[in-house]
C-alpha cells in the first residue's frame, strides 16, 4: 500500500456509510492496478481493508456515480451488516464490494487507531 493508492474513512456520523470520492484518473491511469480502501467500523470496532481493482470499477463504471463536477467516482459504502460494503448512493447501481475484502481486523484497546 502507498499513500497514492490508499483512502481512509470513518463511518459517517449521520448515516451508516463510508464515503469516498476517488479521482477518475486513479482508475484510468496505467499506474494503478488496485486501490486500497481502509474503513473503521465504529460499532463493531473493526478495521476493514478492501482491495478495489481499477479494472473492476472501469468495467462497471455505469453502476457507480461519477461526479463530473469534481472528476471523481463517488462511493457511499454501507456499514450495516445487511448490506455491508454495498454502494448505496441514490444514483448508483447498488454495486456490492464485499467480494473485495482483503482483511478485517478487530480493534482492541491496545491497537485502536
PDB file of N, CA and C in Angstrom:
ATOM      1  N   UNK A   1       0.846  -1.186   0.000  1.00  0.00           N
ATOM      2  CA  UNK A   1       0.000   0.000   0.000  1.00  0.00           C
ATOM      3  C   UNK A   1       0.885   1.240   0.000  1.00  0.00           C
ATOM      4  N   UNK A   2       0.392   2.264  -0.669  1.00  0.00           N
ATOM      5  CA  UNK A   2       1.103   3.533  -0.648  1.00  0.00           C
ATOM      6  C   UNK A   2       0.102   4.662  -0.469  1.00  0.00           C
ATOM      7  N   UNK A   3       0.604   5.840  -0.167  1.00  0.00           N
ATOM      8  CA  UNK A   3      -0.270   6.994   0.031  1.00  0.00           C
ATOM      9  C   UNK A   3      -1.075   7.316  -1.217  1.00  0.00           C
ATOM     10  N   UNK A   4      -0.501   7.074  -2.392  1.00  0.00           N
ATOM     11  CA  UNK A   4      -1.196   7.443  -3.624  1.00  0.00           C
ATOM     12  C   UNK A   4      -2.317   6.471  -3.981  1.00  0.00           C
ATOM     13  N   UNK A   5      -2.340   5.299  -3.376  1.00  0.00           N
ATOM     14  CA  UNK A   5      -3.378   4.318  -3.705  1.00  0.00           C
ATOM     15  C   UNK A   5      -4.286   3.986  -2.527  1.00  0.00           C
ATOM     16  N   UNK A   6      -4.116   4.657  -1.405  1.00  0.00           N
ATOM     17  CA  UNK A   6      -4.867   4.324  -0.196  1.00  0.00           C
ATOM     18  C   UNK A   6      -5.787   5.467   0.205  1.00  0.00           C
ATOM     19  N   UNK A   7      -7.033   5.112   0.532  1.00  0.00           N
ATOM     20  CA  UNK A   7      -8.008   6.073   1.042  1.00  0.00           C
ATOM     21  C   UNK A   7      -8.546   5.537   2.367  1.00  0.00           C
ATOM     22  N   UNK A   8      -8.891   6.454   3.266  1.00  0.00           N
ATOM     23  CA  UNK A   8      -9.346   6.081   4.600  1.00  0.00           C
ATOM     24  C   UNK A   8     -10.661   6.788   4.904  1.00  0.00           C
ATOM     25  N   UNK A   9     -11.567   6.087   5.606  1.00  0.00           N
ATOM     26  CA  UNK A   9     -12.821   6.714   6.031  1.00  0.00           C
ATOM     27  C   UNK A   9     -13.307   6.124   7.345  1.00  0.00           C
ATOM     28  N   UNK A  10     -13.862   6.984   8.177  1.00  0.00           N
ATOM     29  CA  UNK A  10     -14.627   6.575   9.350  1.00  0.00           C
ATOM     30  C   UNK A  10     -16.089   6.492   8.932  1.00  0.00           C
ATOM     31  N   UNK A  11     -16.898   5.810   9.708  1.00  0.00           N
ATOM     32  CA  UNK A  11     -18.326   5.777   9.448  1.00  0.00           C
ATOM     33  C   UNK A  11     -18.879   7.188   9.612  1.00  0.00           C
ATOM     34  N   UNK A  12     -19.719   7.600   8.680  1.00  0.00           N
ATOM     35  CA  UNK A  12     -20.330   8.910   8.722  1.00  0.00           C
ATOM     36  C   UNK A  12     -21.183   9.046   9.979  1.00  0.00           C
ATOM     37  N   UNK A  13     -21.182  10.208  10.590  1.00  0.00           N
ATOM     38  CA  UNK A  13     -21.903  10.433  11.845  1.00  0.00           C
ATOM     39  C   UNK A  13     -23.426  10.423  11.675  1.00  0.00           C
ATOM     40  N   UNK A  14     -23.923  10.798  10.495  1.00  0.00           N
ATOM     41  CA  UNK A  14     -25.368  10.906  10.283  1.00  0.00           C
ATOM     42  C   UNK A  14     -25.974   9.696   9.582  1.00  0.00           C
ATOM     43  N   UNK A  15     -25.162   8.938   8.913  1.00  0.00           N
ATOM     44  CA  UNK A  15     -25.654   7.830   8.109  1.00  0.00           C
ATOM     45  C   UNK A  15     -24.641   6.702   8.210  1.00  0.00           C
ATOM     46  N   UNK A  16     -25.082   5.459   8.237  1.00  0.00           N
ATOM     47  CA  UNK A  16     -24.173   4.322   8.414  1.00  0.00           C
ATOM     48  C   UNK A  16     -23.480   3.958   7.105  1.00  0.00           C
ATOM     49  N   UNK A  17     -22.600   4.849   6.678  1.00  0.00           N
ATOM     50  CA  UNK A  17     -21.857   4.642   5.428  1.00  0.00           C
ATOM     51  C   UNK A  17     -20.432   5.153   5.577  1.00  0.00           C
ATOM     52  N   UNK A  18     -19.588   4.652   4.687  1.00  0.00           N
ATOM     53  CA  UNK A  18     -18.253   5.212   4.486  1.00  0.00           C
ATOM     54  C   UNK A  18     -18.299   5.931   3.152  1.00  0.00           C
ATOM     55  N   UNK A  19     -17.830   7.172   3.105  1.00  0.00           N
ATOM     56  CA  UNK A  19     -17.845   7.978   1.892  1.00  0.00           C
ATOM     57  C   UNK A  19     -16.454   8.090   1.302  1.00  0.00           C
ATOM     58  N   UNK A  20     -16.393   7.934  -0.008  1.00  0.00           N
ATOM     59  CA  UNK A  20     -15.147   8.123  -0.744  1.00  0.00           C
ATOM     60  C   UNK A  20     -15.444   8.874  -2.029  1.00  0.00           C
ATOM     61  N   UNK A  21     -14.620   9.842  -2.359  1.00  0.00           N
ATOM     62  CA  UNK A  21     -14.592  10.464  -3.678  1.00  0.00           C
ATOM     63  C   UNK A  21     -13.189  10.234  -4.202  1.00  0.00           C
ATOM     64  N   UNK A  22     -13.086   9.385  -5.221  1.00  0.00           N
ATOM     65  CA  UNK A  22     -11.785   8.988  -5.751  1.00  0.00           C
ATOM     66  C   UNK A  22     -11.669   9.483  -7.182  1.00  0.00           C
ATOM     67  N   UNK A  23     -10.601  10.181  -7.475  1.00  0.00           N
ATOM     68  CA  UNK A  23     -10.374  10.744  -8.797  1.00  0.00           C
ATOM     69  C   UNK A  23     -10.516   9.676  -9.885  1.00  0.00           C
ATOM     70  N   UNK A  24     -11.250  10.006 -10.926  1.00  0.00           N
ATOM     71  CA  UNK A  24     -11.408   9.096 -12.061  1.00  0.00           C
ATOM     72  C   UNK A  24     -10.044   8.722 -12.624  1.00  0.00           C
ATOM     73  N   UNK A  25      -9.106   9.650 -12.543  1.00  0.00           N
ATOM     74  CA  UNK A  25      -7.744   9.413 -13.027  1.00  0.00           C
ATOM     75  C   UNK A  25      -7.087   8.209 -12.351  1.00  0.00           C
ATOM     76  N   UNK A  26      -7.410   7.960 -11.087  1.00  0.00           N
ATOM     77  CA  UNK A  26      -6.854   6.804 -10.371  1.00  0.00           C
ATOM     78  C   UNK A  26      -7.279   5.493 -11.043  1.00  0.00           C
ATOM     79  N   UNK A  27      -8.478   5.481 -11.628  1.00  0.00           N
ATOM     80  CA  UNK A  27      -8.989   4.272 -12.268  1.00  0.00           C
ATOM     81  C   UNK A  27      -8.544   4.144 -13.724  1.00  0.00           C
ATOM     82  N   UNK A  28      -8.274   5.267 -14.378  1.00  0.00           N
ATOM     83  CA  UNK A  28      -7.924   5.233 -15.793  1.00  0.00           C
ATOM     84  C   UNK A  28      -6.420   5.207 -16.039  1.00  0.00           C
ATOM     85  N   UNK A  29      -5.634   5.557 -15.055  1.00  0.00           N
ATOM     86  CA  UNK A  29      -4.179   5.580 -15.197  1.00  0.00           C
ATOM     87  C   UNK A  29      -3.610   4.164 -15.227  1.00  0.00           C
ATOM     88  N   UNK A  30      -2.591   3.969 -16.030  1.00  0.00           N
ATOM     89  CA  UNK A  30      -1.902   2.675 -16.078  1.00  0.00           C
ATOM     90  C   UNK A  30      -1.019   2.453 -14.848  1.00  0.00           C
ATOM     91  N   UNK A  31      -0.888   3.465 -13.997  1.00  0.00           N
ATOM     92  CA  UNK A  31      -0.033   3.369 -12.810  1.00  0.00           C
ATOM     93  C   UNK A  31      -0.610   2.460 -11.728  1.00  0.00           C
ATOM     94  N   UNK A  32      -1.932   2.325 -11.686  1.00  0.00           N
ATOM     95  CA  UNK A  32      -2.569   1.661 -10.559  1.00  0.00           C
ATOM     96  C   UNK A  32      -3.386   0.451 -11.008  1.00  0.00           C
ATOM     97  N   UNK A  33      -3.152  -0.685 -10.375  1.00  0.00           N
ATOM     98  CA  UNK A  33      -3.971  -1.873 -10.599  1.00  0.00           C
ATOM     99  C   UNK A  33      -5.048  -1.998  -9.525  1.00  0.00           C
ATOM    100  N   UNK A  34      -4.694  -1.590  -8.312  1.00  0.00           N
ATOM    101  CA  UNK A  34      -5.581  -1.742  -7.161  1.00  0.00           C
ATOM    102  C   UNK A  34      -5.523  -0.493  -6.295  1.00  0.00           C
ATOM    103  N   UNK A  35      -6.684  -0.089  -5.786  1.00  0.00           N
ATOM    104  CA  UNK A  35      -6.756   0.982  -4.808  1.00  0.00           C
ATOM    105  C   UNK A  35      -7.189   0.364  -3.490  1.00  0.00           C
ATOM    106  N   UNK A  36      -6.580   0.806  -2.416  1.00  0.00           N
ATOM    107  CA  UNK A  36      -6.853   0.266  -1.090  1.00  0.00           C
ATOM    108  C   UNK A  36      -7.773   1.205  -0.325  1.00  0.00           C
ATOM    109  N   UNK A  37      -8.902   0.673   0.126  1.00  0.00           N
ATOM    110  CA  UNK A  37      -9.836   1.434   0.950  1.00  0.00           C
ATOM    111  C   UNK A  37      -9.775   0.886   2.362  1.00  0.00           C
ATOM    112  N   UNK A  38      -9.473   1.751   3.322  1.00  0.00           N
ATOM    113  CA  UNK A  38      -9.430   1.385   4.736  1.00  0.00           C
ATOM    114  C   UNK A  38     -10.595   2.066   5.431  1.00  0.00           C
ATOM    115  N   UNK A  39     -11.375   1.273   6.174  1.00  0.00           N
ATOM    116  CA  UNK A  39     -12.582   1.799   6.803  1.00  0.00           C
ATOM    117  C   UNK A  39     -12.682   1.321   8.241  1.00  0.00           C
ATOM    118  N   UNK A  40     -12.963   2.252   9.128  1.00  0.00           N
ATOM    119  CA  UNK A  40     -13.156   1.906  10.533  1.00  0.00           C
ATOM    120  C   UNK A  40     -14.644   1.814  10.803  1.00  0.00           C
ATOM    121  N   UNK A  41     -15.028   0.712  11.426  1.00  0.00           N
ATOM    122  CA  UNK A  41     -16.416   0.479  11.825  1.00  0.00           C
ATOM    123  C   UNK A  41     -16.550   0.878  13.287  1.00  0.00           C
ATOM    124  N   UNK A  42     -17.316   1.911  13.526  1.00  0.00           N
ATOM    125  CA  UNK A  42     -17.407   2.476  14.873  1.00  0.00           C
ATOM    126  C   UNK A  42     -18.021   1.514  15.885  1.00  0.00           C
ATOM    127  N   UNK A  43     -19.081   0.815  15.506  1.00  0.00           N
ATOM    128  CA  UNK A  43     -19.807  -0.007  16.467  1.00  0.00           C
ATOM    129  C   UNK A  43     -19.137  -1.354  16.707  1.00  0.00           C
ATOM    130  N   UNK A  44     -18.661  -1.976  15.656  1.00  0.00           N
ATOM    131  CA  UNK A  44     -18.038  -3.287  15.795  1.00  0.00           C
ATOM    132  C   UNK A  44     -16.561  -3.172  16.132  1.00  0.00           C
ATOM    133  N   UNK A  45     -16.041  -1.966  16.106  1.00  0.00           N
ATOM    134  CA  UNK A  45     -14.623  -1.715  16.387  1.00  0.00           C
ATOM    135  C   UNK A  45     -13.732  -2.602  15.525  1.00  0.00           C
ATOM    136  N   UNK A  46     -13.909  -2.435  14.215  1.00  0.00           N
ATOM    137  CA  UNK A  46     -13.138  -3.192  13.243  1.00  0.00           C
ATOM    138  C   UNK A  46     -12.526  -2.253  12.213  1.00  0.00           C
ATOM    139  N   UNK A  47     -11.420  -2.699  11.641  1.00  0.00           N
ATOM    140  CA  UNK A  47     -10.786  -2.020  10.518  1.00  0.00           C
ATOM    141  C   UNK A  47     -10.915  -2.943   9.318  1.00  0.00           C
ATOM    142  N   UNK A  48     -11.525  -2.434   8.251  1.00  0.00           N
ATOM    143  CA  UNK A  48     -11.729  -3.223   7.031  1.00  0.00           C
ATOM    144  C   UNK A  48     -10.802  -2.719   5.943  1.00  0.00           C
ATOM    145  N   UNK A  49     -10.232  -3.648   5.189  1.00  0.00           N
ATOM    146  CA  UNK A  49      -9.371  -3.312   4.058  1.00  0.00           C
ATOM    147  C   UNK A  49      -9.980  -3.921   2.812  1.00  0.00           C
ATOM    148  N   UNK A  50     -10.358  -3.071   1.854  1.00  0.00           N
ATOM    149  CA  UNK A  50     -10.843  -3.530   0.561  1.00  0.00           C
ATOM    150  C   UNK A  50      -9.782  -3.236  -0.482  1.00  0.00           C
ATOM    151  N   UNK A  51      -9.506  -4.189  -1.326  1.00  0.00           N
ATOM    152  CA  UNK A  51      -8.600  -4.012  -2.457  1.00  0.00           C
ATOM    153  C   UNK A  51      -9.441  -3.899  -3.718  1.00  0.00           C
ATOM    154  N   UNK A  52      -9.627  -2.681  -4.204  1.00  0.00           N
ATOM    155  CA  UNK A  52     -10.515  -2.427  -5.331  1.00  0.00           C
ATOM    156  C   UNK A  52      -9.696  -2.371  -6.615  1.00  0.00           C
ATOM    157  N   UNK A  53      -9.903  -3.355  -7.471  1.00  0.00           N
ATOM    158  CA  UNK A  53      -9.188  -3.389  -8.747  1.00  0.00           C
ATOM    159  C   UNK A  53      -9.726  -2.283  -9.648  1.00  0.00           C
ATOM    160  N   UNK A  54      -8.820  -1.504 -10.213  1.00  0.00           N
ATOM    161  CA  UNK A  54      -9.241  -0.400 -11.072  1.00  0.00           C
ATOM    162  C   UNK A  54     -10.007  -0.918 -12.289  1.00  0.00           C
ATOM    163  N   UNK A  55      -9.619  -2.063 -12.823  1.00  0.00           N
ATOM    164  CA  UNK A  55     -10.314  -2.639 -13.979  1.00  0.00           C
ATOM    165  C   UNK A  55     -11.763  -2.983 -13.638  1.00  0.00           C
ATOM    166  N   UNK A  56     -11.996  -3.456 -12.408  1.00  0.00           N
ATOM    167  CA  UNK A  56     -13.357  -3.795 -11.975  1.00  0.00           C
ATOM    168  C   UNK A  56     -14.245  -2.558 -12.006  1.00  0.00           C
ATOM    169  N   UNK A  57     -13.734  -1.446 -11.503  1.00  0.00           N
ATOM    170  CA  UNK A  57     -14.521  -0.218 -11.484  1.00  0.00           C
ATOM    171  C   UNK A  57     -14.754   0.277 -12.908  1.00  0.00           C
ATOM    172  N   UNK A  58     -13.718   0.277 -13.730  1.00  0.00           N
ATOM    173  CA  UNK A  58     -13.882   0.726 -15.119  1.00  0.00           C
ATOM    174  C   UNK A  58     -14.878  -0.139 -15.876  1.00  0.00           C
ATOM    175  N   UNK A  59     -14.815  -1.456 -15.682  1.00  0.00           N
ATOM    176  CA  UNK A  59     -15.740  -2.373 -16.354  1.00  0.00           C
ATOM    177  C   UNK A  59     -17.184  -2.159 -15.910  1.00  0.00           C
ATOM    178  N   UNK A  60     -17.370  -1.630 -14.712  1.00  0.00           N
ATOM    179  CA  UNK A  60     -18.705  -1.427 -14.142  1.00  0.00           C
ATOM    180  C   UNK A  60     -19.016   0.048 -13.894  1.00  0.00           C
ATOM    181  N   UNK A  61     -18.324   0.936 -14.574  1.00  0.00           N
ATOM    182  CA  UNK A  61     -18.437   2.368 -14.299  1.00  0.00           C
ATOM    183  C   UNK A  61     -19.879   2.875 -14.392  1.00  0.00           C
ATOM    184  N   UNK A  62     -20.681   2.281 -15.259  1.00  0.00           N
ATOM    185  CA  UNK A  62     -22.074   2.729 -15.397  1.00  0.00           C
ATOM    186  C   UNK A  62     -22.889   2.457 -14.133  1.00  0.00           C
ATOM    187  N   UNK A  63     -22.386   1.600 -13.240  1.00  0.00           N
ATOM    188  CA  UNK A  63     -23.080   1.276 -11.997  1.00  0.00           C
ATOM    189  C   UNK A  63     -22.622   2.130 -10.814  1.00  0.00           C
ATOM    190  N   UNK A  64     -21.633   2.975 -11.044  1.00  0.00           N
ATOM    191  CA  UNK A  64     -21.129   3.855  -9.998  1.00  0.00           C
ATOM    192  C   UNK A  64     -21.506   5.290 -10.322  1.00  0.00           C
ATOM    193  N   UNK A  65     -21.588   6.119  -9.298  1.00  0.00           N
ATOM    194  CA  UNK A  65     -21.879   7.527  -9.518  1.00  0.00           C
ATOM    195  C   UNK A  65     -20.577   8.260  -9.796  1.00  0.00           C
ATOM    196  N   UNK A  66     -20.516   8.900 -10.955  1.00  0.00           N
ATOM    197  CA  UNK A  66     -19.355   9.703 -11.321  1.00  0.00           C
ATOM    198  C   UNK A  66     -19.752  11.162 -11.172  1.00  0.00           C
ATOM    199  N   UNK A  67     -19.002  11.859 -10.363  1.00  0.00           N
ATOM    200  CA  UNK A  67     -19.251  13.298 -10.161  1.00  0.00           C
ATOM    201  C   UNK A  67     -18.416  14.074 -11.166  1.00  0.00           C
ATOM    202  N   UNK A  68     -19.077  14.503 -12.219  1.00  0.00           N
ATOM    203  CA  UNK A  68     -18.392  15.252 -13.278  1.00  0.00           C
ATOM    204  C   UNK A  68     -17.833  16.569 -12.764  1.00  0.00           C
ATOM    205  N   UNK A  69     -18.518  17.177 -11.774  1.00  0.00           N
ATOM    206  CA  UNK A  69     -18.097  18.482 -11.261  1.00  0.00           C
ATOM    207  C   UNK A  69     -16.718  18.443 -10.622  1.00  0.00           C
ATOM    208  N   UNK A  70     -16.345  17.310 -10.039  1.00  0.00           N
ATOM    209  CA  UNK A  70     -15.018  17.215  -9.422  1.00  0.00           C
ATOM    210  C   UNK A  70     -14.183  16.090 -10.027  1.00  0.00           C
ATOM    211  N   UNK A  71     -14.717  15.408 -11.048  1.00  0.00           N
ATOM    212  CA  UNK A  71     -13.969  14.366 -11.734  1.00  0.00           C
ATOM    213  C   UNK A  71     -13.652  13.170 -10.864  1.00  0.00           C
ATOM    214  N   UNK A  72     -14.662  12.690 -10.128  1.00  0.00           N
ATOM    215  CA  UNK A  72     -14.396  11.582  -9.217  1.00  0.00           C
ATOM    216  C   UNK A  72     -15.499  10.526  -9.276  1.00  0.00           C
ATOM    217  N   UNK A  73     -15.115   9.324  -8.874  1.00  0.00           N
ATOM    218  CA  UNK A  73     -16.074   8.259  -8.633  1.00  0.00           C
ATOM    219  C   UNK A  73     -16.463   8.404  -7.173  1.00  0.00           C
ATOM    220  N   UNK A  74     -17.752   8.537  -6.927  1.00  0.00           N
ATOM    221  CA  UNK A  74     -18.238   8.779  -5.580  1.00  0.00           C
ATOM    222  C   UNK A  74     -18.842   7.490  -5.034  1.00  0.00           C
ATOM    223  N   UNK A  75     -18.277   7.013  -3.935  1.00  0.00           N
ATOM    224  CA  UNK A  75     -18.754   5.783  -3.303  1.00  0.00           C
ATOM    225  C   UNK A  75     -19.365   6.110  -1.954  1.00  0.00           C
ATOM    226  N   UNK A  76     -20.469   5.489  -1.673  1.00  0.00           N
ATOM    227  CA  UNK A  76     -21.122   5.583  -0.373  1.00  0.00           C
ATOM    228  C   UNK A  76     -21.383   4.131   0.032  1.00  0.00           C
ATOM    229  N   UNK A  77     -20.443   3.553   0.764  1.00  0.00           N
ATOM    230  CA  UNK A  77     -20.498   2.132   1.096  1.00  0.00           C
ATOM    231  C   UNK A  77     -21.184   1.922   2.436  1.00  0.00           C
ATOM    232  N   UNK A  78     -22.200   1.071   2.432  1.00  0.00           N
ATOM    233  CA  UNK A  78     -22.966   0.799   3.642  1.00  0.00           C
ATOM    234  C   UNK A  78     -22.092   0.107   4.691  1.00  0.00           C
ATOM    235  N   UNK A  79     -22.286   0.504   5.945  1.00  0.00           N
ATOM    236  CA  UNK A  79     -21.592  -0.158   7.046  1.00  0.00           C
ATOM    237  C   UNK A  79     -22.537  -1.075   7.827  1.00  0.00           C
ATOM    238  N   UNK A  80     -23.779  -1.181   7.376  1.00  0.00           N
ATOM    239  CA  UNK A  80     -24.759  -2.050   8.029  1.00  0.00           C
ATOM    240  C   UNK A  80     -24.486  -3.509   7.694  1.00  0.00           C
ATOM    241  N   UNK A  81     -24.754  -4.401   8.637  1.00  0.00           N
ATOM    242  CA  UNK A  81     -24.468  -5.823   8.412  1.00  0.00           C
ATOM    243  C   UNK A  81     -25.318  -6.423   7.291  1.00  0.00           C
ATOM    244  N   UNK A  82     -26.489  -5.862   7.025  1.00  0.00           N
ATOM    245  CA  UNK A  82     -27.381  -6.413   5.999  1.00  0.00           C
ATOM    246  C   UNK A  82     -26.895  -6.183   4.575  1.00  0.00           C
ATOM    247  N   UNK A  83     -26.144  -5.120   4.344  1.00  0.00           N
ATOM    248  CA  UNK A  83     -25.633  -4.828   3.003  1.00  0.00           C
ATOM    249  C   UNK A  83     -24.246  -4.178   3.064  1.00  0.00           C
ATOM    250  N   UNK A  84     -23.432  -4.657   3.975  1.00  0.00           N
ATOM    251  CA  UNK A  84     -22.099  -4.090   4.209  1.00  0.00           C
ATOM    252  C   UNK A  84     -21.286  -4.060   2.912  1.00  0.00           C
ATOM    253  N   UNK A  85     -20.654  -2.935   2.661  1.00  0.00           N
ATOM    254  CA  UNK A  85     -19.782  -2.667   1.512  1.00  0.00           C
ATOM    255  C   UNK A  85     -20.544  -2.531   0.199  1.00  0.00           C
ATOM    256  N   UNK A  86     -21.857  -2.356   0.242  1.00  0.00           N
ATOM    257  CA  UNK A  86     -22.635  -2.116  -0.971  1.00  0.00           C
ATOM    258  C   UNK A  86     -22.705  -0.616  -1.200  1.00  0.00           C
ATOM    259  N   UNK A  87     -22.502  -0.186  -2.444  1.00  0.00           N
ATOM    260  CA  UNK A  87     -22.624   1.221  -2.776  1.00  0.00           C
ATOM    261  C   UNK A  87     -24.102   1.590  -2.751  1.00  0.00           C
ATOM    262  N   UNK A  88     -24.479   2.504  -1.870  1.00  0.00           N
ATOM    263  CA  UNK A  88     -25.892   2.825  -1.679  1.00  0.00           C
ATOM    264  C   UNK A  88     -26.248   4.247  -2.124  1.00  0.00           C
ATOM    265  N   UNK A  89     -25.392   4.858  -2.935  1.00  0.00           N
ATOM    266  CA  UNK A  89     -25.734   6.192  -3.452  1.00  0.00           C
ATOM    267  C   UNK A  89     -27.013   6.081  -4.261  1.00  0.00           C
ATOM    268  N   UNK A  90     -27.886   7.085  -4.181  1.00  0.00           N
ATOM    269  CA  UNK A  90     -29.181   7.004  -4.870  1.00  0.00           C
ATOM    270  C   UNK A  90     -29.076   6.737  -6.376  1.00  0.00           C
ATOM    271  N   UNK A  91     -28.067   7.282  -7.029  1.00  0.00           N
ATOM    272  CA  UNK A  91     -27.945   7.090  -8.479  1.00  0.00           C
ATOM    273  C   UNK A  91     -26.970   5.982  -8.854  1.00  0.00           C
ATOM    274  N   UNK A  92     -26.569   5.177  -7.885  1.00  0.00           N
ATOM    275  CA  UNK A  92     -25.636   4.088  -8.187  1.00  0.00           C
ATOM    276  C   UNK A  92     -26.411   2.833  -8.565  1.00  0.00           C
ATOM    277  N   UNK A  93     -25.689   1.832  -9.033  1.00  0.00           N
ATOM    278  CA  UNK A  93     -26.297   0.552  -9.374  1.00  0.00           C
ATOM    279  C   UNK A  93     -26.295  -0.413  -8.212  1.00  0.00           C
ATOM    280  N   UNK A  94     -26.065   0.120  -6.985  1.00  0.00           N
ATOM    281  CA  UNK A  94     -26.058  -0.706  -5.763  1.00  0.00           C
ATOM    282  C   UNK A  94     -25.015  -1.818  -5.837  1.00  0.00           C
ATOM    283  N   UNK A  95     -23.871  -1.492  -6.396  1.00  0.00           N
ATOM    284  CA  UNK A  95     -22.796  -2.478  -6.570  1.00  0.00           C
ATOM    285  C   UNK A  95     -22.270  -2.970  -5.228  1.00  0.00           C
ATOM    286  N   UNK A  96     -22.222  -4.293  -5.026  1.00  0.00           N
ATOM    287  CA  UNK A  96     -21.614  -4.838  -3.814  1.00  0.00           C
ATOM    288  C   UNK A  96     -20.096  -4.914  -3.993  1.00  0.00           C
ATOM    289  N   UNK A  97     -19.372  -4.535  -2.959  1.00  0.00           N
ATOM    290  CA  UNK A  97     -17.909  -4.632  -2.996  1.00  0.00           C
ATOM    291  C   UNK A  97     -17.394  -5.608  -1.937  1.00  0.00           C
ATOM    292  N   UNK A  98     -18.292  -6.371  -1.331  1.00  0.00           N
ATOM    293  CA  UNK A  98     -17.889  -7.290  -0.262  1.00  0.00           C
ATOM    294  C   UNK A  98     -16.921  -8.359  -0.743  1.00  0.00           C
ATOM    295  N   UNK A  99     -16.950  -8.689  -2.027  1.00  0.00           N
ATOM    296  CA  UNK A  99     -16.030  -9.688  -2.570  1.00  0.00           C
ATOM    297  C   UNK A  99     -14.597  -9.151  -2.652  1.00  0.00           C
ATOM    298  N   UNK A 100     -14.410  -7.865  -2.389  1.00  0.00           N
ATOM    299  CA  UNK A 100     -13.088  -7.243  -2.484  1.00  0.00           C
ATOM    300  C   UNK A 100     -12.410  -7.084  -1.122  1.00  0.00           C
ATOM    301  N   UNK A 101     -13.025  -7.632  -0.068  1.00  0.00           N
ATOM    302  CA  UNK A 101     -12.428  -7.528   1.267  1.00  0.00           C
ATOM    303  C   UNK A 101     -11.116  -8.314   1.294  1.00  0.00           C
ATOM    304  N   UNK A 102     -10.057  -7.635   1.675  1.00  0.00           N
ATOM    305  CA  UNK A 102      -8.746  -8.262   1.825  1.00  0.00           C
ATOM    306  C   UNK A 102      -8.604  -8.801   3.240  1.00  0.00           C
ATOM    307  N   UNK A 103      -8.987  -7.961   4.209  1.00  0.00           N
ATOM    308  CA  UNK A 103      -8.835  -8.362   5.609  1.00  0.00           C
ATOM    309  C   UNK A 103      -9.694  -7.465   6.489  1.00  0.00           C
ATOM    310  N   UNK A 104     -10.170  -8.052   7.588  1.00  0.00           N
ATOM    311  CA  UNK A 104     -10.853  -7.304   8.637  1.00  0.00           C
ATOM    312  C   UNK A 104     -10.129  -7.590   9.942  1.00  0.00           C
ATOM    313  N   UNK A 105      -9.759  -6.514  10.626  1.00  0.00           N
ATOM    314  CA  UNK A 105      -9.046  -6.653  11.912  1.00  0.00           C
ATOM    315  C   UNK A 105      -9.918  -6.129  13.031  1.00  0.00           C
ATOM    316  N   UNK A 106     -10.000  -6.877  14.114  1.00  0.00           N
ATOM    317  CA  UNK A 106     -10.696  -6.412  15.309  1.00  0.00           C
ATOM    318  C   UNK A 106      -9.808  -5.393  16.017  1.00  0.00           C
ATOM    319  N   UNK A 107     -10.393  -4.278  16.394  1.00  0.00           N
ATOM    320  CA  UNK A 107      -9.657  -3.258  17.123  1.00  0.00           C
ATOM    321  C   UNK A 107      -9.888  -3.473  18.611  1.00  0.00           C
ATOM    322  N   UNK A 108      -8.830  -3.482  19.361  1.00  0.00           N
ATOM    323  CA  UNK A 108      -8.912  -3.619  20.813  1.00  0.00           C
ATOM    324  C   UNK A 108      -8.413  -2.326  21.432  1.00  0.00           C
ATOM    325  N   UNK A 109      -8.472  -2.259  22.736  1.00  0.00           N
ATOM    326  CA  UNK A 109      -7.986  -1.040  23.391  1.00  0.00           C
ATOM    327  C   UNK A 109      -6.480  -0.883  23.215  1.00  0.00           C
ATOM    328  N   UNK A 110      -5.789  -1.940  22.799  1.00  0.00           N
ATOM    329  CA  UNK A 110      -4.348  -1.875  22.609  1.00  0.00           C
ATOM    330  C   UNK A 110      -3.950  -1.465  21.211  1.00  0.00           C
ATOM    331  N   UNK A 111      -4.850  -1.643  20.245  1.00  0.00           N
ATOM    332  CA  UNK A 111      -4.462  -1.292  18.880  1.00  0.00           C
ATOM    333  C   UNK A 111      -5.465  -0.359  18.213  1.00  0.00           C
ATOM    334  N   UNK A 112      -6.201   0.426  18.983  1.00  0.00           N
ATOM    335  CA  UNK A 112      -7.152   1.363  18.393  1.00  0.00           C
ATOM    336  C   UNK A 112      -6.403   2.422  17.619  1.00  0.00           C
ATOM    337  N   UNK A 113      -7.063   2.889  16.541  1.00  0.00           N
ATOM    338  CA  UNK A 113      -6.457   3.942  15.732  1.00  0.00           C
ATOM    339  C   UNK A 113      -6.612   5.277  16.402  1.00  0.00           C
TER     340      UNK A 113
END
